[in-house]
Amino acid sequence: MIANLGAELLSWQAVFDTNFVPIAVTAGLLLALVAAMFSRIAGVVVFVFTVAGAAAYGARDAIIALAGG
């Protein structure tokens, strides 16, 4: 039962990696563009958080390993 649940979770993780991450990054960058129309600082802040979030998500395995997990 637990092994099946783990396999199901990993299969959904693959779907999430393939489909959601590029959409989320694109949406974040578009949000940065819209924010920049109102305030340059707001656009920079949204852009930095979008890029940092994408980088952290890409390095999640290394981060988990560093945390001892």
PDB file of N, CA and C in Angstrom:
ATOM      1  N   MET A   1       0.826  -1.198   0.000  1.00  0.00           N
ATOM      2  CA  MET A   1       0.000   0.000   0.000  1.00  0.00           C
ATOM      3  C   MET A   1       0.870   1.261   0.000  1.00  0.00           C
ATOM      4  N   ILE A   2       1.845   1.325   0.911  1.00  0.00           N
ATOM      5  CA  ILE A   2       2.708   2.508   0.997  1.00  0.00           C
ATOM      6  C   ILE A   2       3.556   2.646  -0.271  1.00  0.00           C
ATOM      7  N   ALA A   3       4.064   1.517  -0.785  1.00  0.00           N
ATOM      8  CA  ALA A   3       4.883   1.568  -2.003  1.00  0.00           C
ATOM      9  C   ALA A   3       4.057   2.074  -3.182  1.00  0.00           C
ATOM     10  N   ASN A   4       2.815   1.623  -3.270  1.00  0.00           N
ATOM     11  CA  ASN A   4       1.939   2.086  -4.351  1.00  0.00           C
ATOM     12  C   ASN A   4       1.657   3.577  -4.227  1.00  0.00           C
ATOM     13  N   LEU A   5       1.467   4.032  -3.006  1.00  0.00           N
ATOM     14  CA  LEU A   5       1.225   5.453  -2.779  1.00  0.00           C
ATOM     15  C   LEU A   5       2.446   6.278  -3.182  1.00  0.00           C
ATOM     16  N   GLY A   6       3.646   5.780  -2.844  1.00  0.00           N
ATOM     17  CA  GLY A   6       4.878   6.473  -3.233  1.00  0.00           C
ATOM     18  C   GLY A   6       5.046   6.530  -4.741  1.00  0.00           C
ATOM     19  N   ALA A   7       4.740   5.426  -5.425  1.00  0.00           N
ATOM     20  CA  ALA A   7       4.845   5.401  -6.887  1.00  0.00           C
ATOM     21  C   ALA A   7       3.853   6.372  -7.516  1.00  0.00           C
ATOM     22  N   GLU A   8       2.648   6.439  -6.947  1.00  0.00           N
ATOM     23  CA  GLU A   8       1.635   7.371  -7.459  1.00  0.00           C
ATOM     24  C   GLU A   8       2.091   8.816  -7.269  1.00  0.00           C
ATOM     25  N   LEU A   9       2.671   9.094  -6.114  1.00  0.00           N
ATOM     26  CA  LEU A   9       3.168  10.439  -5.843  1.00  0.00           C
ATOM     27  C   LEU A   9       4.268  10.816  -6.827  1.00  0.00           C
ATOM     28  N   LEU A  10       5.189   9.895  -7.109  1.00  0.00           N
ATOM     29  CA  LEU A  10       6.268  10.187  -8.053  1.00  0.00           C
ATOM     30  C   LEU A  10       5.740  10.388  -9.465  1.00  0.00           C
ATOM     31  N   SER A  11       4.699   9.652  -9.849  1.00  0.00           N
ATOM     32  CA  SER A  11       4.146   9.843 -11.189  1.00  0.00           C
ATOM     33  C   SER A  11       3.491  11.225 -11.301  1.00  0.00           C
ATOM     34  N   TRP A  12       2.832  11.687 -10.239  1.00  0.00           N
ATOM     35  CA  TRP A  12       2.254  13.027 -10.257  1.00  0.00           C
ATOM     36  C   TRP A  12       3.331  14.092 -10.238  1.00  0.00           C
ATOM     37  N   GLN A  13       4.457  13.804  -9.573  1.00  0.00           N
ATOM     38  CA  GLN A  13       5.568  14.763  -9.560  1.00  0.00           C
ATOM     39  C   GLN A  13       6.102  14.956 -10.977  1.00  0.00           C
ATOM     40  N   ALA A  14       6.180  13.884 -11.758  1.00  0.00           N
ATOM     41  CA  ALA A  14       6.646  13.993 -13.141  1.00  0.00           C
ATOM     42  C   ALA A  14       5.687  14.848 -13.967  1.00  0.00           C
ATOM     43  N   VAL A  15       4.386  14.666 -13.760  1.00  0.00           N
ATOM     44  CA  VAL A  15       3.391  15.479 -14.465  1.00  0.00           C
ATOM     45  C   VAL A  15       3.542  16.943 -14.065  1.00  0.00           C
ATOM     46  N   PHE A  16       3.733  17.192 -12.770  1.00  0.00           N
ATOM     47  CA  PHE A  16       3.902  18.557 -12.268  1.00  0.00           C
ATOM     48  C   PHE A  16       5.140  19.197 -12.881  1.00  0.00           C
ATOM     49  N   ASP A  17       6.256  18.459 -12.903  1.00  0.00           N
ATOM     50  CA  ASP A  17       7.496  18.993 -13.471  1.00  0.00           C
ATOM     51  C   ASP A  17       7.316  19.354 -14.937  1.00  0.00           C
ATOM     52  N   THR A  18       6.641  18.495 -15.677  1.00  0.00           N
ATOM     53  CA  THR A  18       6.512  18.679 -17.115  1.00  0.00           C
ATOM     54  C   THR A  18       5.534  19.789 -17.478  1.00  0.00           C
ATOM     55  N   ASN A  19       4.403  19.825 -16.792  1.00  0.00           N
ATOM     56  CA  ASN A  19       3.325  20.715 -17.218  1.00  0.00           C
ATOM     57  C   ASN A  19       3.239  22.027 -16.454  1.00  0.00           C
ATOM     58  N   PHE A  20       3.430  21.985 -15.143  1.00  0.00           N
ATOM     59  CA  PHE A  20       3.116  23.161 -14.342  1.00  0.00           C
ATOM     60  C   PHE A  20       4.267  24.145 -14.234  1.00  0.00           C
ATOM     61  N   VAL A  21       5.483  23.659 -14.088  1.00  0.00           N
ATOM     62  CA  VAL A  21       6.617  24.554 -13.824  1.00  0.00           C
ATOM     63  C   VAL A  21       6.822  25.573 -14.946  1.00  0.00           C
ATOM     64  N   PRO A  22       6.849  25.179 -16.224  1.00  0.00           N
ATOM     65  CA  PRO A  22       7.010  26.202 -17.269  1.00  0.00           C
ATOM     66  C   PRO A  22       5.868  27.216 -17.284  1.00  0.00           C
ATOM     67  N   ILE A  23       4.651  26.766 -16.993  1.00  0.00           N
ATOM     68  CA  ILE A  23       3.509  27.677 -16.952  1.00  0.00           C
ATOM     69  C   ILE A  23       3.659  28.651 -15.792  1.00  0.00           C
ATOM     70  N   ALA A  24       4.081  28.153 -14.632  1.00  0.00           N
ATOM     71  CA  ALA A  24       4.243  29.017 -13.458  1.00  0.00           C
ATOM     72  C   ALA A  24       5.331  30.060 -13.683  1.00  0.00           C
ATOM     73  N   VAL A  25       6.434  29.652 -14.300  1.00  0.00           N
ATOM     74  CA  VAL A  25       7.520  30.603 -14.569  1.00  0.00           C
ATOM     75  C   VAL A  25       7.058  31.657 -15.575  1.00  0.00           C
ATOM     76  N   THR A  26       6.365  31.238 -16.612  1.00  0.00           N
ATOM     77  CA  THR A  26       5.854  32.188 -17.605  1.00  0.00           C
ATOM     78  C   THR A  26       4.869  33.162 -16.969  1.00  0.00           C
ATOM     79  N   ALA A  27       3.978  32.647 -16.134  1.00  0.00           N
ATOM     80  CA  ALA A  27       3.016  33.522 -15.458  1.00  0.00           C
ATOM     81  C   ALA A  27       3.730  34.503 -14.534  1.00  0.00           C
ATOM     82  N   GLY A  28       4.760  34.039 -13.842  1.00  0.00           N
ATOM     83  CA  GLY A  28       5.521  34.929 -12.964  1.00  0.00           C
ATOM     84  C   GLY A  28       6.212  36.033 -13.732  1.00  0.00           C
ATOM     85  N   LEU A  29       6.764  35.688 -14.885  1.00  0.00           N
ATOM     86  CA  LEU A  29       7.439  36.702 -15.696  1.00  0.00           C
ATOM     87  C   LEU A  29       6.442  37.702 -16.284  1.00  0.00           C
ATOM     88  N   LEU A  30       5.267  37.221 -16.679  1.00  0.00           N
ATOM     89  CA  LEU A  30       4.229  38.144 -17.158  1.00  0.00           C
ATOM     90  C   LEU A  30       3.742  39.056 -16.031  1.00  0.00           C
ATOM     91  N   LEU A  31       3.624  38.496 -14.834  1.00  0.00           N
ATOM     92  CA  LEU A  31       3.241  39.309 -13.682  1.00  0.00           C
ATOM     93  C   LEU A  31       4.298  40.372 -13.393  1.00  0.00           C
ATOM     94  N   ALA A  32       5.567  40.020 -13.559  1.00  0.00           N
ATOM     95  CA  ALA A  32       6.646  41.001 -13.375  1.00  0.00           C
ATOM     96  C   ALA A  32       6.524  42.124 -14.396  1.00  0.00           C
ATOM     97  N   LEU A  33       6.167  41.772 -15.629  1.00  0.00           N
ATOM     98  CA  LEU A  33       5.995  42.786 -16.669  1.00  0.00           C
ATOM     99  C   LEU A  33       4.850  43.736 -16.327  1.00  0.00           C
ATOM    100  N   VAL A  34       3.732  43.178 -15.870  1.00  0.00           N
ATOM    101  CA  VAL A  34       2.588  44.006 -15.486  1.00  0.00           C
ATOM    102  C   VAL A  34       2.942  44.878 -14.283  1.00  0.00           C
ATOM    103  N   ALA A  35       3.624  44.298 -13.295  1.00  0.00           N
ATOM    104  CA  ALA A  35       4.012  45.072 -12.111  1.00  0.00           C
ATOM    105  C   ALA A  35       4.965  46.200 -12.490  1.00  0.00           C
ATOM    106  N   ALA A  36       5.834  45.947 -13.460  1.00  0.00           N
ATOM    107  CA  ALA A  36       6.797  46.965 -13.883  1.00  0.00           C
ATOM    108  C   ALA A  36       6.105  48.153 -14.554  1.00  0.00           C
ATOM    109  N   MET A  37       4.908  47.926 -15.113  1.00  0.00           N
ATOM    110  CA  MET A  37       4.174  49.036 -15.714  1.00  0.00           C
ATOM    111  C   MET A  37       3.733  50.044 -14.653  1.00  0.00           C
ATOM    112  N   PHE A  38       3.535  49.570 -13.448  1.00  0.00           N
ATOM    113  CA  PHE A  38       3.081  50.452 -12.369  1.00  0.00           C
ATOM    114  C   PHE A  38       4.239  50.956 -11.520  1.00  0.00           C
ATOM    115  N   SER A  39       5.232  50.110 -11.320  1.00  0.00           N
ATOM    116  CA  SER A  39       6.367  50.491 -10.489  1.00  0.00           C
ATOM    117  C   SER A  39       7.563  49.640 -10.896  1.00  0.00           C
ATOM    118  N   ARG A  40       8.660  50.294 -11.210  1.00  0.00           N
ATOM    119  CA  ARG A  40       9.851  49.568 -11.624  1.00  0.00           C
ATOM    120  C   ARG A  40      10.338  48.652 -10.499  1.00  0.00           C
ATOM    121  N   ILE A  41      10.283  49.145  -9.269  1.00  0.00           N
ATOM    122  CA  ILE A  41      10.743  48.341  -8.133  1.00  0.00           C
ATOM    123  C   ILE A  41       9.866  47.099  -7.963  1.00  0.00           C
ATOM    124  N   ALA A  42       8.553  47.259  -8.111  1.00  0.00           N
ATOM    125  CA  ALA A  42       7.651  46.110  -7.991  1.00  0.00           C
ATOM    126  C   ALA A  42       7.950  45.076  -9.066  1.00  0.00           C
ATOM    127  N   GLY A  43       8.216  45.522 -10.280  1.00  0.00           N
ATOM    128  CA  GLY A  43       8.563  44.601 -11.356  1.00  0.00           C
ATOM    129  C   GLY A  43       9.841  43.844 -11.068  1.00  0.00           C
ATOM    130  N   VAL A  44      10.831  44.541 -10.538  1.00  0.00           N
ATOM    131  CA  VAL A  44      12.105  43.889 -10.204  1.00  0.00           C
ATOM    132  C   VAL A  44      11.904  42.877  -9.085  1.00  0.00           C
ATOM    133  N   VAL A  45      11.115  43.240  -8.076  1.00  0.00           N
ATOM    134  CA  VAL A  45      10.875  42.322  -6.953  1.00  0.00           C
ATOM    135  C   VAL A  45      10.177  41.055  -7.431  1.00  0.00           C
ATOM    136  N   VAL A  46       9.132  41.197  -8.238  1.00  0.00           N
ATOM    137  CA  VAL A  46       8.412  40.023  -8.746  1.00  0.00           C
ATOM    138  C   VAL A  46       9.331  39.183  -9.624  1.00  0.00           C
ATOM    139  N   PHE A  47      10.133  39.827 -10.467  1.00  0.00           N
ATOM    140  CA  PHE A  47      11.060  39.101 -11.331  1.00  0.00           C
ATOM    141  C   PHE A  47      12.072  38.311 -10.505  1.00  0.00           C
ATOM    142  N   VAL A  48      12.645  38.947  -9.494  1.00  0.00           N
ATOM    143  CA  VAL A  48      13.654  38.272  -8.662  1.00  0.00           C
ATOM    144  C   VAL A  48      13.045  37.070  -7.947  1.00  0.00           C
ATOM    145  N   PHE A  49      11.847  37.235  -7.396  1.00  0.00           N
ATOM    146  CA  PHE A  49      11.219  36.111  -6.706  1.00  0.00           C
ATOM    147  C   PHE A  49      10.838  34.995  -7.674  1.00  0.00           C
ATOM    148  N   THR A  50      10.423  35.329  -8.883  1.00  0.00           N
ATOM    149  CA  THR A  50      10.100  34.304  -9.879  1.00  0.00           C
ATOM    150  C   THR A  50      11.338  33.510 -10.258  1.00  0.00           C
ATOM    151  N   VAL A  51      12.424  34.199 -10.541  1.00  0.00           N
ATOM    152  CA  VAL A  51      13.666  33.515 -10.924  1.00  0.00           C
ATOM    153  C   VAL A  51      14.216  32.710  -9.754  1.00  0.00           C
ATOM    154  N   ALA A  52      14.181  33.284  -8.552  1.00  0.00           N
ATOM    155  CA  ALA A  52      14.682  32.563  -7.378  1.00  0.00           C
ATOM    156  C   ALA A  52      13.836  31.324  -7.090  1.00  0.00           C
ATOM    157  N   GLY A  53      12.528  31.449  -7.243  1.00  0.00           N
ATOM    158  CA  GLY A  53      11.657  30.293  -7.034  1.00  0.00           C
ATOM    159  C   GLY A  53      11.902  29.198  -8.052  1.00  0.00           C
ATOM    160  N   ALA A  54      12.082  29.579  -9.309  1.00  0.00           N
ATOM    161  CA  ALA A  54      12.370  28.589 -10.344  1.00  0.00           C
ATOM    162  C   ALA A  54      13.715  27.916 -10.097  1.00  0.00           C
ATOM    163  N   ALA A  55      14.706  28.685  -9.675  1.00  0.00           N
ATOM    164  CA  ALA A  55      16.025  28.112  -9.385  1.00  0.00           C
ATOM    165  C   ALA A  55      15.958  27.176  -8.186  1.00  0.00           C
ATOM    166  N   ALA A  56      15.222  27.576  -7.159  1.00  0.00           N
ATOM    167  CA  ALA A  56      15.088  26.721  -5.977  1.00  0.00           C
ATOM    168  C   ALA A  56      14.339  25.443  -6.325  1.00  0.00           C
ATOM    169  N   TYR A  57      13.313  25.548  -7.162  1.00  0.00           N
ATOM    170  CA  TYR A  57      12.582  24.350  -7.564  1.00  0.00           C
ATOM    171  C   TYR A  57      13.476  23.431  -8.391  1.00  0.00           C
ATOM    172  N   GLY A  58      14.300  24.015  -9.254  1.00  0.00           N
ATOM    173  CA  GLY A  58      15.215  23.207 -10.057  1.00  0.00           C
ATOM    174  C   GLY A  58      16.280  22.527  -9.219  1.00  0.00           C
ATOM    175  N   ALA A  59      16.639  23.141  -8.102  1.00  0.00           N
ATOM    176  CA  ALA A  59      17.685  22.589  -7.234  1.00  0.00           C
ATOM    177  C   ALA A  59      17.093  21.906  -6.006  1.00  0.00           C
ATOM    178  N   ARG A  60      15.817  21.523  -6.072  1.00  0.00           N
ATOM    179  CA  ARG A  60      15.163  20.987  -4.882  1.00  0.00           C
ATOM    180  C   ARG A  60      15.810  19.706  -4.378  1.00  0.00           C
ATOM    181  N   ASP A  61      16.306  18.855  -5.273  1.00  0.00           N
ATOM    182  CA  ASP A  61      16.946  17.617  -4.827  1.00  0.00           C
ATOM    183  C   ASP A  61      18.213  17.916  -4.032  1.00  0.00           C
ATOM    184  N   ALA A  62      18.994  18.883  -4.503  1.00  0.00           N
ATOM    185  CA  ALA A  62      20.211  19.262  -3.779  1.00  0.00           C
ATOM    186  C   ALA A  62      19.869  19.916  -2.448  1.00  0.00           C
ATOM    187  N   ILE A  63      18.813  20.717  -2.422  1.00  0.00           N
ATOM    188  CA  ILE A  63      18.402  21.371  -1.176  1.00  0.00           C
ATOM    189  C   ILE A  63      17.937  20.330  -0.165  1.00  0.00           C
ATOM    190  N   ILE A  64      17.176  19.356  -0.619  1.00  0.00           N
ATOM    191  CA  ILE A  64      16.710  18.288   0.275  1.00  0.00           C
ATOM    192  C   ILE A  64      17.895  17.482   0.795  1.00  0.00           C
ATOM    193  N   ALA A  65      18.864  17.208  -0.077  1.00  0.00           N
ATOM    194  CA  ALA A  65      20.053  16.465   0.355  1.00  0.00           C
ATOM    195  C   ALA A  65      20.840  17.258   1.397  1.00  0.00           C
ATOM    196  N   LEU A  66      20.960  18.570   1.200  1.00  0.00           N
ATOM    197  CA  LEU A  66      21.665  19.405   2.181  1.00  0.00           C
ATOM    198  C   LEU A  66      20.931  19.432   3.521  1.00  0.00           C
ATOM    199  N   ALA A  67      19.616  19.358   3.466  1.00  0.00           N
ATOM    200  CA  ALA A  67      18.823  19.378   4.695  1.00  0.00           C
ATOM    201  C   ALA A  67      18.843  18.031   5.409  1.00  0.00           C
ATOM    202  N   GLY A  68      19.447  17.033   4.767  1.00  0.00           N
ATOM    203  CA  GLY A  68      19.552  15.717   5.392  1.00  0.00           C
ATOM    204  C   GLY A  68      18.385  14.800   5.094  1.00  0.00           C
ATOM    205  N   GLY A  69      17.598  15.153   4.090  1.00  0.00           N
ATOM    206  CA  GLY A  69      16.420  14.339   3.767  1.00  0.00           C
ATOM    207  C   GLY A  69      16.660  13.471   2.664  1.00  0.00           C
TER     208      GLY A  69
END
